[in-house]
Amino acid sequence: MTSFVPDMTIRPEVAGFFDAATNTISYVVRDPAGTACAVIDSVMDLDYAAGRITHDHADQIIAFIRDKGWQLEWLIETHVHADHLSGAPYIQAALGGRIGIGAKITEVQEVFGKIFNEGTEFQCDGSQFDALFDDGDSYRIGTMTAQVLHTPGHTPACMTHVIGDAAFVGDTLFMPDGGSARADFPGGDAGALYDSIQRVLALPDDMRLFMCHDYGPNGRDIRWETTVAEERRHNIHIAGKSRDAFIQLRTERDKTLGMPRLILPSLQVNMRAGEMPTDDQGRPVLKVPVNGL
């Protein structure tokens, strides 16, 4: 497992875009020394009951980047999301950039390719993405170096992206009063999630942490930014808890949770880098595997 010292002197500009339908926060991250930027965890809108795709959330991000005159270099997926569909290909078609995800996407594709009976034509090698990241890999956003940490537990492919004094943790952590993400999906592991959280919390105290989701616990306003120090001291699933205690808490809590509303379409689309699956006539189509999850 790779360790590194982040450059806390670099403070990227971060703009968050909250999608109320899925409680997802997407980010535009800009190099303060220029116009280069990245989009992290974008959203495509789905009216599941009507089977209708729209792009209002992605259009907001596209308009924001164009209005600023910025140049999009990367579209990052912190993991294969189970609660929203990625808007990365739509944004890429408008603004360019490369789509990147953790290299363990191949494990996710193997598992869910079978669940959705995708057949031999579905490639489980991650080739749908432009870049696959291993632990310790880095990439450039303008003059900034982004460092990639493998932080599995929620899924095998979860990655945390550290860019200057900002870290984008995906579903590894929620805000301190929200705790952590579930670890009971195929390939999830509560012990691995605890270890990954400890790795994030080993970053400098004043490292800014940006969440992928927030649900406003106890009626508070939606928030998505905190710090390592705040998470270490106040996270309700972590602070003062041993690894065994966390595993017990996480396992018991996961047993009470239902499946996310959009898990079936999300997995089919997101393991394809945001592209819709099609039938033998090339029409977009989604499957509903009965008793598959």
Protein backbone atom coordinates (compact mmCIF):
# COMPACT_ATOMS: atom_id res chain seq x y z
CA MET A 1 0.00 0.00 0.00
CA THR A 2 1.45 3.29 -1.14
CA SER A 3 2.00 6.18 1.28
CA PHE A 4 2.76 9.73 0.24
CA VAL A 5 2.96 13.28 1.58
CA PRO A 6 0.30 15.54 0.02
CA ASP A 7 1.25 19.06 -1.03
CA MET A 8 -0.96 21.09 1.31
CA THR A 9 0.29 24.35 -0.21
CA ILE A 10 -1.88 23.73 -3.26
CA ARG A 11 -5.51 24.71 -2.70
CA PRO A 12 -7.67 23.78 -5.69
CA GLU A 13 -10.90 25.65 -6.27
CA VAL A 14 -13.82 23.27 -5.61
CA ALA A 15 -17.42 23.84 -6.69
CA GLY A 16 -20.09 21.40 -5.48
CA PHE A 17 -23.32 20.57 -7.31
CA PHE A 18 -26.00 18.84 -5.22
CA ASP A 19 -28.49 16.50 -6.88
CA ALA A 20 -31.53 16.35 -4.58
CA ALA A 21 -33.05 13.34 -6.36
CA THR A 22 -30.11 11.09 -5.37
CA ASN A 23 -28.47 13.13 -2.56
CA THR A 24 -25.28 13.11 -4.64
CA ILE A 25 -22.67 15.87 -4.77
CA SER A 26 -20.70 16.28 -7.97
CA TYR A 27 -17.59 18.45 -8.06
CA VAL A 28 -15.68 20.66 -10.43
CA VAL A 29 -12.06 20.95 -9.26
CA ARG A 30 -9.86 23.64 -10.82
CA ASP A 31 -6.11 24.14 -10.81
CA PRO A 32 -5.60 27.54 -9.10
CA ALA A 33 -2.66 28.19 -11.42
CA GLY A 34 -4.72 28.01 -14.61
CA THR A 35 -7.96 26.91 -16.27
CA ALA A 36 -7.58 23.12 -16.17
CA CYS A 37 -10.26 21.28 -14.22
CA ALA A 38 -11.75 17.89 -13.45
CA VAL A 39 -15.31 16.71 -12.79
CA ILE A 40 -15.79 14.16 -10.01
CA ASP A 41 -18.86 11.89 -9.67
CA SER A 42 -21.25 13.44 -12.18
CA VAL A 43 -24.95 12.54 -12.37
CA MET A 44 -27.32 11.64 -15.23
CA ASP A 45 -31.01 12.15 -14.43
CA LEU A 46 -33.37 9.17 -14.63
CA ASP A 47 -37.14 9.07 -14.27
CA TYR A 48 -37.18 5.34 -13.47
CA ALA A 49 -40.96 4.95 -13.63
CA ALA A 50 -41.12 6.53 -17.09
CA GLY A 51 -37.83 5.08 -18.35
CA ARG A 52 -36.73 8.58 -19.32
CA ILE A 53 -33.17 9.94 -19.28
CA THR A 54 -32.45 13.67 -19.03
CA HIS A 55 -29.31 15.69 -18.34
CA ASP A 56 -30.30 18.73 -16.26
CA HIS A 57 -27.63 18.10 -13.60
CA ALA A 58 -24.87 17.51 -16.15
CA ASP A 59 -25.97 20.57 -18.14
CA GLN A 60 -25.46 22.73 -15.03
CA ILE A 61 -21.88 21.52 -14.79
CA ILE A 62 -21.24 22.01 -18.50
CA ALA A 63 -22.62 25.55 -18.37
CA PHE A 64 -20.54 26.34 -15.27
CA ILE A 65 -17.29 25.20 -16.89
CA ARG A 66 -18.04 27.01 -20.14
CA ASP A 67 -18.99 30.23 -18.33
CA LYS A 68 -15.69 30.13 -16.44
CA GLY A 69 -13.71 29.43 -19.61
CA TRP A 70 -12.10 26.38 -18.01
CA GLN A 71 -10.69 23.33 -19.79
CA LEU A 72 -11.95 19.91 -18.71
CA GLU A 73 -9.17 17.32 -18.50
CA TRP A 74 -10.65 14.52 -16.39
CA LEU A 75 -13.99 12.97 -15.45
CA ILE A 76 -13.38 10.90 -12.33
CA GLU A 77 -15.61 8.20 -10.87
CA THR A 78 -14.65 7.44 -7.28
CA HIS A 79 -16.37 4.02 -7.65
CA VAL A 80 -19.22 2.25 -9.44
CA HIS A 81 -22.16 4.05 -7.87
CA ALA A 82 -25.28 2.12 -6.90
CA ASP A 83 -27.57 5.10 -6.31
CA HIS A 84 -27.18 7.31 -9.36
CA LEU A 85 -26.23 7.07 -13.02
CA SER A 86 -23.02 8.68 -14.22
CA GLY A 87 -23.22 11.64 -16.57
CA ALA A 88 -19.55 11.36 -17.56
CA PRO A 89 -19.97 10.40 -21.26
CA TYR A 90 -22.50 13.18 -21.79
CA ILE A 91 -20.17 15.78 -20.28
CA GLN A 92 -17.20 14.30 -22.16
CA ALA A 93 -19.07 14.67 -25.48
CA ALA A 94 -19.58 18.36 -24.72
CA LEU A 95 -16.24 19.31 -23.15
CA GLY A 96 -13.71 16.52 -23.74
CA GLY A 97 -11.58 14.99 -21.00
CA ARG A 98 -10.78 11.40 -20.01
CA ILE A 99 -12.94 9.13 -17.85
CA GLY A 100 -11.04 7.40 -15.03
CA ILE A 101 -11.91 4.86 -12.33
CA GLY A 102 -10.13 2.39 -10.03
CA ALA A 103 -8.58 -0.65 -11.69
CA LYS A 104 -10.64 -2.99 -9.49
CA ILE A 105 -13.60 -2.07 -11.71
CA THR A 106 -12.86 -5.40 -13.38
CA GLU A 107 -13.94 -7.25 -10.23
CA VAL A 108 -17.20 -5.28 -10.14
CA GLN A 109 -17.81 -6.00 -13.82
CA GLU A 110 -17.23 -9.74 -13.29
CA VAL A 111 -19.76 -9.91 -10.44
CA PHE A 112 -22.49 -7.79 -11.96
CA GLY A 113 -21.91 -8.97 -15.51
CA LYS A 114 -23.10 -12.36 -14.27
CA ILE A 115 -25.98 -10.96 -12.21
CA PHE A 116 -27.28 -9.07 -15.26
CA ASN A 117 -26.48 -11.97 -17.62
CA GLU A 118 -24.54 -9.66 -19.91
CA GLY A 119 -23.03 -12.45 -22.03
CA THR A 120 -19.63 -12.75 -23.63
CA GLU A 121 -19.96 -9.50 -25.59
CA PHE A 122 -19.67 -7.50 -22.34
CA GLN A 123 -15.98 -6.89 -21.67
CA CYS A 124 -14.95 -7.24 -18.01
CA ASP A 125 -11.54 -5.65 -18.53
CA GLY A 126 -12.34 -2.01 -17.77
CA SER A 127 -11.85 -1.06 -21.42
CA GLN A 128 -14.99 1.10 -21.34
CA PHE A 129 -12.97 3.66 -19.35
CA ASP A 130 -10.11 5.84 -20.61
CA ALA A 131 -7.91 5.25 -17.55
CA LEU A 132 -7.76 2.68 -14.74
CA PHE A 133 -6.01 3.70 -11.52
CA ASP A 134 -4.07 1.47 -9.15
CA ASP A 135 -3.14 2.44 -5.62
CA GLY A 136 -0.43 5.11 -5.70
CA ASP A 137 -1.07 6.19 -9.28
CA SER A 138 -1.17 9.88 -10.10
CA TYR A 139 -2.45 12.09 -12.90
CA ARG A 140 -2.25 15.77 -13.74
CA ILE A 141 -4.91 18.48 -13.72
CA GLY A 142 -3.04 21.38 -15.21
CA THR A 143 -0.07 21.96 -12.89
CA MET A 144 -1.60 19.94 -10.03
CA THR A 145 -0.78 16.32 -9.30
CA ALA A 146 -3.74 14.20 -8.19
CA GLN A 147 -2.81 11.14 -6.11
CA VAL A 148 -5.03 8.05 -6.05
CA LEU A 149 -5.51 5.91 -2.93
CA HIS A 150 -7.27 2.54 -3.05
CA THR A 151 -9.91 2.68 -0.29
CA PRO A 152 -12.10 -0.44 -0.70
CA GLY A 153 -14.83 -1.69 1.60
CA HIS A 154 -17.97 -0.09 0.19
CA THR A 155 -16.97 -1.64 -3.16
CA PRO A 156 -13.70 -3.28 -4.29
CA ALA A 157 -13.01 -0.42 -6.72
CA CYS A 158 -13.41 2.57 -4.37
CA MET A 159 -10.67 5.18 -4.66
CA THR A 160 -9.93 8.41 -2.80
CA HIS A 161 -8.48 11.19 -4.95
CA VAL A 162 -6.14 13.59 -3.14
CA ILE A 163 -5.56 16.88 -4.97
CA GLY A 164 -3.48 19.38 -3.01
CA ASP A 165 -5.28 20.05 0.28
CA ALA A 166 -8.52 18.41 -0.92
CA ALA A 167 -9.50 14.72 -0.86
CA PHE A 168 -12.56 13.31 -2.59
CA VAL A 169 -13.57 10.24 -0.63
CA GLY A 170 -16.54 8.89 -2.60
CA ASP A 171 -18.66 6.73 -0.29
CA THR A 172 -15.82 5.77 2.06
CA LEU A 173 -16.99 8.40 4.56
CA PHE A 174 -20.04 10.58 5.15
CA MET A 175 -20.14 13.79 7.16
CA PRO A 176 -19.29 13.21 10.84
CA ASP A 177 -22.95 12.96 11.85
CA GLY A 178 -23.65 10.59 8.94
CA GLY A 179 -20.96 8.01 9.67
CA SER A 180 -19.95 5.72 6.84
CA ALA A 181 -21.38 3.96 3.79
CA ARG A 182 -22.75 0.43 3.77
CA ALA A 183 -20.46 -2.53 3.12
CA ASP A 184 -22.95 -5.27 2.25
CA PHE A 185 -23.05 -5.05 -1.54
CA PRO A 186 -21.28 -7.87 -3.45
CA GLY A 187 -17.55 -7.34 -2.93
CA GLY A 188 -18.08 -5.07 0.08
CA ASP A 189 -16.28 -5.70 3.37
CA ALA A 190 -16.77 -3.86 6.67
CA GLY A 191 -13.23 -4.63 7.88
CA ALA A 192 -11.73 -3.33 4.66
CA LEU A 193 -13.89 -0.22 4.96
CA TYR A 194 -12.57 0.43 8.47
CA ASP A 195 -8.99 0.08 7.23
CA SER A 196 -9.69 2.43 4.32
CA ILE A 197 -11.21 5.03 6.63
CA GLN A 198 -8.12 4.87 8.83
CA ARG A 199 -6.01 5.50 5.77
CA VAL A 200 -8.03 8.61 4.91
CA LEU A 201 -7.83 9.79 8.52
CA ALA A 202 -4.03 9.45 8.43
CA LEU A 203 -3.95 12.43 6.04
CA PRO A 204 -3.11 15.84 7.55
CA ASP A 205 -5.64 17.20 10.07
CA ASP A 206 -6.56 20.20 7.93
CA MET A 207 -7.01 18.21 4.71
CA ARG A 208 -10.38 19.15 3.27
CA LEU A 209 -12.62 16.12 2.74
CA PHE A 210 -15.43 16.18 0.17
CA MET A 211 -18.31 13.71 0.41
CA CYS A 212 -20.14 12.06 -2.48
CA HIS A 213 -23.45 11.99 -0.56
CA ASP A 214 -25.22 13.76 2.27
CA TYR A 215 -28.69 13.09 3.64
CA GLY A 216 -29.02 15.90 6.19
CA PRO A 217 -29.28 13.77 9.35
CA ASN A 218 -31.72 15.05 11.99
CA GLY A 219 -33.01 17.68 9.60
CA ARG A 220 -29.82 19.73 9.27
CA ASP A 221 -28.95 21.52 6.04
CA ILE A 222 -27.12 19.52 3.37
CA ARG A 223 -23.33 19.74 3.74
CA TRP A 224 -20.48 18.08 1.91
CA GLU A 225 -17.18 19.48 3.18
CA THR A 226 -15.37 18.67 6.42
CA THR A 227 -11.78 17.96 7.52
CA VAL A 228 -9.75 14.97 8.60
CA ALA A 229 -9.61 16.35 12.14
CA GLU A 230 -13.39 16.72 12.35
CA GLU A 231 -13.98 13.21 11.04
CA ARG A 232 -11.43 11.69 13.39
CA ARG A 233 -12.92 13.41 16.45
CA HIS A 234 -16.62 13.32 15.72
CA ASN A 235 -17.58 10.67 13.14
CA ILE A 236 -20.36 8.67 14.80
CA HIS A 237 -19.18 5.35 13.31
CA ILE A 238 -15.44 5.84 13.90
CA ALA A 239 -14.56 8.09 16.83
CA GLY A 240 -13.54 6.00 19.83
CA LYS A 241 -14.40 2.69 18.14
CA SER A 242 -12.15 -0.29 17.57
CA ARG A 243 -12.04 -2.19 14.30
CA ASP A 244 -14.17 -4.99 15.77
CA ALA A 245 -16.72 -2.52 17.14
CA PHE A 246 -16.97 -0.81 13.76
CA ILE A 247 -17.46 -4.12 11.94
CA GLN A 248 -20.24 -5.07 14.35
CA LEU A 249 -21.93 -1.66 14.03
CA ARG A 250 -21.63 -1.61 10.25
CA THR A 251 -22.82 -5.21 9.82
CA GLU A 252 -25.84 -4.77 12.09
CA ARG A 253 -26.81 -1.49 10.47
CA ASP A 254 -26.49 -2.89 6.95
CA LYS A 255 -29.00 -5.63 7.79
CA THR A 256 -31.65 -2.94 8.31
CA LEU A 257 -31.07 -1.14 4.99
CA GLY A 258 -33.10 -1.67 1.85
CA MET A 259 -31.63 -1.58 -1.63
CA PRO A 260 -31.05 1.89 -3.14
CA ARG A 261 -33.93 2.91 -5.39
CA LEU A 262 -31.77 3.17 -8.52
CA ILE A 263 -29.35 0.29 -7.88
CA LEU A 264 -30.42 -1.83 -10.86
CA PRO A 265 -30.10 0.85 -13.56
CA SER A 266 -27.09 2.47 -11.86
CA LEU A 267 -24.94 -0.66 -11.85
CA GLN A 268 -25.75 -1.55 -15.46
CA VAL A 269 -24.86 1.95 -16.67
CA ASN A 270 -21.95 2.79 -14.38
CA MET A 271 -19.99 -0.42 -15.00
CA ARG A 272 -20.08 0.70 -18.65
CA ALA A 273 -18.52 4.10 -17.83
CA GLY A 274 -21.93 5.78 -18.00
CA GLU A 275 -23.11 4.29 -21.28
CA MET A 276 -26.57 2.75 -21.55
CA PRO A 277 -26.78 -0.97 -22.34
CA THR A 278 -28.56 -1.78 -25.60
CA ASP A 279 -30.53 -4.66 -27.06
CA ASP A 280 -29.65 -6.53 -30.26
CA GLN A 281 -31.18 -3.72 -32.30
CA GLY A 282 -29.12 -1.03 -30.59
CA ARG A 283 -31.96 0.39 -28.49
CA PRO A 284 -31.22 1.50 -24.91
CA VAL A 285 -32.63 -1.06 -22.49
CA LEU A 286 -32.29 -1.91 -18.81
CA LYS A 287 -32.70 -5.33 -17.18
CA VAL A 288 -34.37 -6.31 -13.92
CA PRO A 289 -32.80 -9.54 -12.64
CA VAL A 290 -35.31 -11.24 -10.34
CA ASN A 291 -33.82 -12.19 -6.95
CA GLY A 292 -30.37 -11.32 -8.27
CA LEU A 293 -29.25 -9.09 -5.39
